[in-house]
Amino acid sequence: MTDKRVVFDFEIHFSNGGGLKGWDFRLDIEGDDIADDVLADYIVRDMRLLMVGSVRIDNKRIIAEAHKRERDTVAISG
C-alpha cells in the first residue's frame, strides 16, 4: 500500500479575534481522500487550538509520499 498525504492551504479564524494561515501544509492520511470538515477538525485537534470560530480549506490535493509520523499515530480518514 502506498502512503498518502494531503497537501493543502488553510485559514483559521478564532472566535476571540485573530487568525492563523498555512499553505502547502502536509498531513499523513489513511486512504485516498479526506473530507474538508474532517481535515479541519484534525488540524484543530492536532494543533490543540482553542476558541476556533471557522476553518477554511483550499487547494487540497492528495499525493503519494511516505508518512512522516509513526504508523500508530495516524488517526484520520474520511
PDB file of N, CA and C in Angstrom:
ATOM      1  N   MET A   1       0.835  -1.187   0.000  1.00  0.00           N
ATOM      2  CA  MET A   1       0.000   0.000   0.000  1.00  0.00           C
ATOM      3  C   MET A   1       0.880   1.250   0.000  1.00  0.00           C
ATOM      4  N   THR A   2       0.594   2.184  -0.866  1.00  0.00           N
ATOM      5  CA  THR A   2       1.337   3.434  -0.956  1.00  0.00           C
ATOM      6  C   THR A   2       0.847   4.401   0.107  1.00  0.00           C
ATOM      7  N   ASP A   3       1.779   5.045   0.806  1.00  0.00           N
ATOM      8  CA  ASP A   3       1.404   6.064   1.785  1.00  0.00           C
ATOM      9  C   ASP A   3       0.823   7.275   1.072  1.00  0.00           C
ATOM     10  N   LYS A   4      -0.180   7.874   1.688  1.00  0.00           N
ATOM     11  CA  LYS A   4      -0.819   9.063   1.114  1.00  0.00           C
ATOM     12  C   LYS A   4      -0.708  10.220   2.103  1.00  0.00           C
ATOM     13  N   ARG A   5      -0.556  11.400   1.554  1.00  0.00           N
ATOM     14  CA  ARG A   5      -0.537  12.625   2.339  1.00  0.00           C
ATOM     15  C   ARG A   5      -1.458  13.618   1.663  1.00  0.00           C
ATOM     16  N   VAL A   6      -2.040  14.488   2.449  1.00  0.00           N
ATOM     17  CA  VAL A   6      -2.850  15.564   1.909  1.00  0.00           C
ATOM     18  C   VAL A   6      -2.032  16.851   2.018  1.00  0.00           C
ATOM     19  N   VAL A   7      -2.013  17.607   0.931  1.00  0.00           N
ATOM     20  CA  VAL A   7      -1.331  18.890   0.879  1.00  0.00           C
ATOM     21  C   VAL A   7      -2.420  19.942   0.677  1.00  0.00           C
ATOM     22  N   PHE A   8      -2.391  21.019   1.467  1.00  0.00           N
ATOM     23  CA  PHE A   8      -3.489  21.981   1.413  1.00  0.00           C
ATOM     24  C   PHE A   8      -3.082  23.310   2.031  1.00  0.00           C
ATOM     25  N   ASP A   9      -3.904  24.309   1.749  1.00  0.00           N
ATOM     26  CA  ASP A   9      -3.800  25.614   2.397  1.00  0.00           C
ATOM     27  C   ASP A   9      -4.952  25.705   3.384  1.00  0.00           C
ATOM     28  N   PHE A  10      -4.773  26.471   4.460  1.00  0.00           N
ATOM     29  CA  PHE A  10      -5.865  26.642   5.410  1.00  0.00           C
ATOM     30  C   PHE A  10      -5.859  28.043   6.005  1.00  0.00           C
ATOM     31  N   GLU A  11      -7.012  28.437   6.471  1.00  0.00           N
ATOM     32  CA  GLU A  11      -7.172  29.702   7.181  1.00  0.00           C
ATOM     33  C   GLU A  11      -8.102  29.445   8.361  1.00  0.00           C
ATOM     34  N   ILE A  12      -7.617  29.763   9.550  1.00  0.00           N
ATOM     35  CA  ILE A  12      -8.382  29.564  10.775  1.00  0.00           C
ATOM     36  C   ILE A  12      -8.674  30.921  11.386  1.00  0.00           C
ATOM     37  N   HIS A  13      -9.942  31.157  11.732  1.00  0.00           N
ATOM     38  CA  HIS A  13     -10.346  32.376  12.431  1.00  0.00           C
ATOM     39  C   HIS A  13     -10.767  31.991  13.837  1.00  0.00           C
ATOM     40  N   PHE A  14     -10.303  32.756  14.807  1.00  0.00           N
ATOM     41  CA  PHE A  14     -10.632  32.487  16.202  1.00  0.00           C
ATOM     42  C   PHE A  14     -11.811  33.340  16.641  1.00  0.00           C
ATOM     43  N   SER A  15     -12.648  32.775  17.484  1.00  0.00           N
ATOM     44  CA  SER A  15     -13.850  33.480  17.929  1.00  0.00           C
ATOM     45  C   SER A  15     -13.530  34.687  18.816  1.00  0.00           C
ATOM     46  N   ASN A  16     -12.330  34.726  19.392  1.00  0.00           N
ATOM     47  CA  ASN A  16     -11.937  35.866  20.218  1.00  0.00           C
ATOM     48  C   ASN A  16     -11.015  36.830  19.480  1.00  0.00           C
ATOM     49  N   GLY A  17     -10.950  36.697  18.147  1.00  0.00           N
ATOM     50  CA  GLY A  17     -10.134  37.583  17.314  1.00  0.00           C
ATOM     51  C   GLY A  17      -8.868  36.886  16.838  1.00  0.00           C
ATOM     52  N   GLY A  18      -8.327  37.391  15.769  1.00  0.00           N
ATOM     53  CA  GLY A  18      -7.086  36.843  15.230  1.00  0.00           C
ATOM     54  C   GLY A  18      -7.321  35.651  14.325  1.00  0.00           C
ATOM     55  N   GLY A  19      -6.227  35.148  13.813  1.00  0.00           N
ATOM     56  CA  GLY A  19      -6.324  34.013  12.912  1.00  0.00           C
ATOM     57  C   GLY A  19      -4.976  33.390  12.648  1.00  0.00           C
ATOM     58  N   LEU A  20      -4.998  32.354  11.856  1.00  0.00           N
ATOM     59  CA  LEU A  20      -3.809  31.583  11.531  1.00  0.00           C
ATOM     60  C   LEU A  20      -3.957  31.095  10.097  1.00  0.00           C
ATOM     61  N   LYS A  21      -2.890  31.231   9.291  1.00  0.00           N
ATOM     62  CA  LYS A  21      -2.909  30.754   7.908  1.00  0.00           C
ATOM     63  C   LYS A  21      -1.735  29.815   7.680  1.00  0.00           C
ATOM     64  N   GLY A  22      -1.953  28.843   6.819  1.00  0.00           N
ATOM     65  CA  GLY A  22      -0.882  27.944   6.413  1.00  0.00           C
ATOM     66  C   GLY A  22      -1.035  27.599   4.949  1.00  0.00           C
ATOM     67  N   TRP A  23       0.059  27.336   4.274  1.00  0.00           N
ATOM     68  CA  TRP A  23      -0.009  26.958   2.869  1.00  0.00           C
ATOM     69  C   TRP A  23       0.967  25.820   2.616  1.00  0.00           C
ATOM     70  N   ASP A  24       0.591  24.984   1.660  1.00  0.00           N
ATOM     71  CA  ASP A  24       1.348  23.774   1.331  1.00  0.00           C
ATOM     72  C   ASP A  24       1.616  22.932   2.580  1.00  0.00           C
ATOM     73  N   PHE A  25       0.639  22.926   3.496  1.00  0.00           N
ATOM     74  CA  PHE A  25       0.714  22.150   4.727  1.00  0.00           C
ATOM     75  C   PHE A  25       0.488  20.688   4.370  1.00  0.00           C
ATOM     76  N   ARG A  26       1.197  19.767   5.001  1.00  0.00           N
ATOM     77  CA  ARG A  26       1.079  18.343   4.679  1.00  0.00           C
ATOM     78  C   ARG A  26       0.740  17.549   5.923  1.00  0.00           C
ATOM     79  N   LEU A  27      -0.182  16.614   5.760  1.00  0.00           N
ATOM     80  CA  LEU A  27      -0.543  15.693   6.834  1.00  0.00           C
ATOM     81  C   LEU A  27      -0.683  14.284   6.271  1.00  0.00           C
ATOM     82  N   ASP A  28      -0.270  13.310   7.050  1.00  0.00           N
ATOM     83  CA  ASP A  28      -0.457  11.911   6.693  1.00  0.00           C
ATOM     84  C   ASP A  28      -1.938  11.564   6.789  1.00  0.00           C
ATOM     85  N   ILE A  29      -2.422  10.757   5.852  1.00  0.00           N
ATOM     86  CA  ILE A  29      -3.805  10.289   5.918  1.00  0.00           C
ATOM     87  C   ILE A  29      -3.857   8.799   5.624  1.00  0.00           C
ATOM     88  N   GLU A  30      -4.938   8.194   6.025  1.00  0.00           N
ATOM     89  CA  GLU A  30      -5.240   6.808   5.677  1.00  0.00           C
ATOM     90  C   GLU A  30      -6.205   6.868   4.497  1.00  0.00           C
ATOM     91  N   GLY A  31      -5.994   6.075   3.489  1.00  0.00           N
ATOM     92  CA  GLY A  31      -6.904   6.048   2.355  1.00  0.00           C
ATOM     93  C   GLY A  31      -6.528   7.030   1.282  1.00  0.00           C
ATOM     94  N   ASP A  32      -7.469   7.246   0.354  1.00  0.00           N
ATOM     95  CA  ASP A  32      -7.201   8.052  -0.831  1.00  0.00           C
ATOM     96  C   ASP A  32      -7.807   9.440  -0.801  1.00  0.00           C
ATOM     97  N   ASP A  33      -8.533   9.794   0.257  1.00  0.00           N
ATOM     98  CA  ASP A  33      -9.166  11.114   0.322  1.00  0.00           C
ATOM     99  C   ASP A  33      -9.517  11.419   1.767  1.00  0.00           C
ATOM    100  N   ILE A  34      -9.826  12.687   2.018  1.00  0.00           N
ATOM    101  CA  ILE A  34     -10.290  13.124   3.323  1.00  0.00           C
ATOM    102  C   ILE A  34     -11.223  14.313   3.104  1.00  0.00           C
ATOM    103  N   ALA A  35     -12.349  14.299   3.755  1.00  0.00           N
ATOM    104  CA  ALA A  35     -13.319  15.388   3.628  1.00  0.00           C
ATOM    105  C   ALA A  35     -12.768  16.650   4.295  1.00  0.00           C
ATOM    106  N   ASP A  36     -13.132  17.807   3.749  1.00  0.00           N
ATOM    107  CA  ASP A  36     -12.640  19.079   4.288  1.00  0.00           C
ATOM    108  C   ASP A  36     -12.992  19.260   5.757  1.00  0.00           C
ATOM    109  N   ASP A  37     -14.210  18.895   6.165  1.00  0.00           N
ATOM    110  CA  ASP A  37     -14.599  19.081   7.567  1.00  0.00           C
ATOM    111  C   ASP A  37     -13.812  18.159   8.491  1.00  0.00           C
ATOM    112  N   VAL A  38     -13.499  16.956   8.042  1.00  0.00           N
ATOM    113  CA  VAL A  38     -12.688  16.031   8.835  1.00  0.00           C
ATOM    114  C   VAL A  38     -11.258  16.562   8.947  1.00  0.00           C
ATOM    115  N   LEU A  39     -10.740  17.071   7.848  1.00  0.00           N
ATOM    116  CA  LEU A  39      -9.399  17.656   7.836  1.00  0.00           C
ATOM    117  C   LEU A  39      -9.333  18.867   8.765  1.00  0.00           C
ATOM    118  N   ALA A  40     -10.335  19.728   8.712  1.00  0.00           N
ATOM    119  CA  ALA A  40     -10.376  20.909   9.588  1.00  0.00           C
ATOM    120  C   ALA A  40     -10.383  20.493  11.055  1.00  0.00           C
ATOM    121  N   ASP A  41     -11.198  19.506  11.400  1.00  0.00           N
ATOM    122  CA  ASP A  41     -11.245  19.008  12.779  1.00  0.00           C
ATOM    123  C   ASP A  41      -9.885  18.451  13.206  1.00  0.00           C
ATOM    124  N   TYR A  42      -9.225  17.742  12.308  1.00  0.00           N
ATOM    125  CA  TYR A  42      -7.930  17.160  12.630  1.00  0.00           C
ATOM    126  C   TYR A  42      -6.887  18.245  12.896  1.00  0.00           C
ATOM    127  N   ILE A  43      -6.869  19.291  12.076  1.00  0.00           N
ATOM    128  CA  ILE A  43      -5.911  20.388  12.277  1.00  0.00           C
ATOM    129  C   ILE A  43      -6.110  21.016  13.653  1.00  0.00           C
ATOM    130  N   VAL A  44      -7.354  21.310  13.975  1.00  0.00           N
ATOM    131  CA  VAL A  44      -7.674  21.952  15.265  1.00  0.00           C
ATOM    132  C   VAL A  44      -7.223  21.060  16.421  1.00  0.00           C
ATOM    133  N   ARG A  45      -7.520  19.768  16.354  1.00  0.00           N
ATOM    134  CA  ARG A  45      -7.121  18.830  17.419  1.00  0.00           C
ATOM    135  C   ARG A  45      -5.616  18.678  17.487  1.00  0.00           C
ATOM    136  N   ASP A  46      -4.982  18.470  16.329  1.00  0.00           N
ATOM    137  CA  ASP A  46      -3.554  18.205  16.295  1.00  0.00           C
ATOM    138  C   ASP A  46      -2.737  19.397  16.781  1.00  0.00           C
ATOM    139  N   MET A  47      -3.204  20.609  16.501  1.00  0.00           N
ATOM    140  CA  MET A  47      -2.506  21.817  16.938  1.00  0.00           C
ATOM    141  C   MET A  47      -2.976  22.280  18.322  1.00  0.00           C
ATOM    142  N   ARG A  48      -3.956  21.560  18.871  1.00  0.00           N
ATOM    143  CA  ARG A  48      -4.516  21.871  20.196  1.00  0.00           C
ATOM    144  C   ARG A  48      -4.991  23.325  20.280  1.00  0.00           C
ATOM    145  N   LEU A  49      -5.724  23.734  19.253  1.00  0.00           N
ATOM    146  CA  LEU A  49      -6.226  25.106  19.195  1.00  0.00           C
ATOM    147  C   LEU A  49      -7.530  25.231  19.976  1.00  0.00           C
ATOM    148  N   LEU A  50      -7.720  26.382  20.590  1.00  0.00           N
ATOM    149  CA  LEU A  50      -8.933  26.678  21.342  1.00  0.00           C
ATOM    150  C   LEU A  50      -9.638  27.877  20.712  1.00  0.00           C
ATOM    151  N   MET A  51     -10.902  28.004  20.980  1.00  0.00           N
ATOM    152  CA  MET A  51     -11.714  29.143  20.555  1.00  0.00           C
ATOM    153  C   MET A  51     -11.700  29.349  19.039  1.00  0.00           C
ATOM    154  N   VAL A  52     -11.737  28.250  18.300  1.00  0.00           N
ATOM    155  CA  VAL A  52     -11.760  28.308  16.839  1.00  0.00           C
ATOM    156  C   VAL A  52     -13.171  28.643  16.381  1.00  0.00           C
ATOM    157  N   GLY A  53     -13.279  29.690  15.573  1.00  0.00           N
ATOM    158  CA  GLY A  53     -14.567  30.085  15.032  1.00  0.00           C
ATOM    159  C   GLY A  53     -14.865  29.404  13.708  1.00  0.00           C
ATOM    160  N   SER A  54     -13.891  29.407  12.793  1.00  0.00           N
ATOM    161  CA  SER A  54     -14.086  28.785  11.485  1.00  0.00           C
ATOM    162  C   SER A  54     -12.748  28.340  10.910  1.00  0.00           C
ATOM    163  N   VAL A  55     -12.825  27.349  10.022  1.00  0.00           N
ATOM    164  CA  VAL A  55     -11.642  26.844   9.324  1.00  0.00           C
ATOM    165  C   VAL A  55     -12.003  26.722   7.851  1.00  0.00           C
ATOM    166  N   ARG A  56     -11.161  27.280   6.992  1.00  0.00           N
ATOM    167  CA  ARG A  56     -11.358  27.146   5.547  1.00  0.00           C
ATOM    168  C   ARG A  56     -10.187  26.350   4.979  1.00  0.00           C
ATOM    169  N   ILE A  57     -10.502  25.368   4.152  1.00  0.00           N
ATOM    170  CA  ILE A  57      -9.506  24.535   3.478  1.00  0.00           C
ATOM    171  C   ILE A  57      -9.534  24.887   1.992  1.00  0.00           C
ATOM    172  N   ASP A  58      -8.365  25.130   1.416  1.00  0.00           N
ATOM    173  CA  ASP A  58      -8.255  25.444  -0.017  1.00  0.00           C
ATOM    174  C   ASP A  58      -7.143  24.615  -0.638  1.00  0.00           C
ATOM    175  N   ASN A  59      -7.217  24.460  -1.956  1.00  0.00           N
ATOM    176  CA  ASN A  59      -6.146  23.850  -2.757  1.00  0.00           C
ATOM    177  C   ASN A  59      -5.730  22.472  -2.243  1.00  0.00           C
ATOM    178  N   LYS A  60      -6.696  21.684  -1.816  1.00  0.00           N
ATOM    179  CA  LYS A  60      -6.411  20.351  -1.270  1.00  0.00           C
ATOM    180  C   LYS A  60      -6.091  19.382  -2.397  1.00  0.00           C
ATOM    181  N   ARG A  61      -5.030  18.619  -2.189  1.00  0.00           N
ATOM    182  CA  ARG A  61      -4.687  17.558  -3.131  1.00  0.00           C
ATOM    183  C   ARG A  61      -4.036  16.410  -2.363  1.00  0.00           C
ATOM    184  N   ILE A  62      -4.221  15.221  -2.876  1.00  0.00           N
ATOM    185  CA  ILE A  62      -3.663  14.018  -2.262  1.00  0.00           C
ATOM    186  C   ILE A  62      -2.439  13.600  -3.063  1.00  0.00           C
ATOM    187  N   ILE A  63      -1.364  13.302  -2.356  1.00  0.00           N
ATOM    188  CA  ILE A  63      -0.133  12.879  -3.025  1.00  0.00           C
ATOM    189  C   ILE A  63       0.333  11.555  -2.426  1.00  0.00           C
ATOM    190  N   ALA A  64       1.101  10.825  -3.205  1.00  0.00           N
ATOM    191  CA  ALA A  64       1.749   9.609  -2.721  1.00  0.00           C
ATOM    192  C   ALA A  64       3.120  10.006  -2.198  1.00  0.00           C
ATOM    193  N   GLU A  65       3.300   9.840  -0.891  1.00  0.00           N
ATOM    194  CA  GLU A  65       4.562  10.222  -0.255  1.00  0.00           C
ATOM    195  C   GLU A  65       4.650   9.472   1.069  1.00  0.00           C
ATOM    196  N   ALA A  66       5.828   9.095   1.450  1.00  0.00           N
ATOM    197  CA  ALA A  66       6.000   8.340   2.699  1.00  0.00           C
ATOM    198  C   ALA A  66       5.492   9.134   3.892  1.00  0.00           C
ATOM    199  N   HIS A  67       4.824   8.441   4.797  1.00  0.00           N
ATOM    200  CA  HIS A  67       4.348   9.066   6.026  1.00  0.00           C
ATOM    201  C   HIS A  67       5.523   9.526   6.867  1.00  0.00           C
ATOM    202  N   LYS A  68       5.337  10.623   7.575  1.00  0.00           N
ATOM    203  CA  LYS A  68       6.394  11.185   8.412  1.00  0.00           C
ATOM    204  C   LYS A  68       6.219  10.818   9.881  1.00  0.00           C
ATOM    205  N   ARG A  69       5.013  10.420  10.275  1.00  0.00           N
ATOM    206  CA  ARG A  69       4.749  10.035  11.663  1.00  0.00           C
ATOM    207  C   ARG A  69       4.755   8.522  11.781  1.00  0.00           C
ATOM    208  N   GLU A  70       4.875   8.086  13.030  1.00  0.00           N
ATOM    209  CA  GLU A  70       4.760   6.654  13.288  1.00  0.00           C
ATOM    210  C   GLU A  70       3.387   6.184  12.866  1.00  0.00           C
ATOM    211  N   ARG A  71       3.274   4.996  12.356  1.00  0.00           N
ATOM    212  CA  ARG A  71       2.032   4.451  11.812  1.00  0.00           C
ATOM    213  C   ARG A  71       0.885   4.476  12.822  1.00  0.00           C
ATOM    214  N   ASP A  72       1.141   4.225  14.111  1.00  0.00           N
ATOM    215  CA  ASP A  72       0.063   4.154  15.096  1.00  0.00           C
ATOM    216  C   ASP A  72      -0.481   5.531  15.487  1.00  0.00           C
ATOM    217  N   THR A  73       0.174   6.641  15.111  1.00  0.00           N
ATOM    218  CA  THR A  73      -0.341   7.972  15.442  1.00  0.00           C
ATOM    219  C   THR A  73      -1.207   8.551  14.328  1.00  0.00           C
ATOM    220  N   VAL A  74      -1.244   7.904  13.171  1.00  0.00           N
ATOM    221  CA  VAL A  74      -2.077   8.379  12.082  1.00  0.00           C
ATOM    222  C   VAL A  74      -3.518   7.963  12.375  1.00  0.00           C
ATOM    223  N   ALA A  75      -4.375   8.975  12.582  1.00  0.00           N
ATOM    224  CA  ALA A  75      -5.726   8.650  13.040  1.00  0.00           C
ATOM    225  C   ALA A  75      -6.794   9.367  12.236  1.00  0.00           C
ATOM    226  N   ILE A  76      -6.500   9.747  11.000  1.00  0.00           N
ATOM    227  CA  ILE A  76      -7.517  10.446  10.236  1.00  0.00           C
ATOM    228  C   ILE A  76      -7.910   9.647   9.022  1.00  0.00           C
ATOM    229  N   SER A  77      -9.140   9.736   8.691  1.00  0.00           N
ATOM    230  CA  SER A  77      -9.667   9.141   7.473  1.00  0.00           C
ATOM    231  C   SER A  77     -10.908   9.924   7.103  1.00  0.00           C
ATOM    232  N   GLY A  78     -11.415   9.721   5.979  1.00  0.00           N
ATOM    233  CA  GLY A  78     -12.594  10.481   5.695  1.00  0.00           C
ATOM    234  C   GLY A  78     -13.080  10.330   4.333  1.00  0.00           C
TER     235      GLY A  78
END
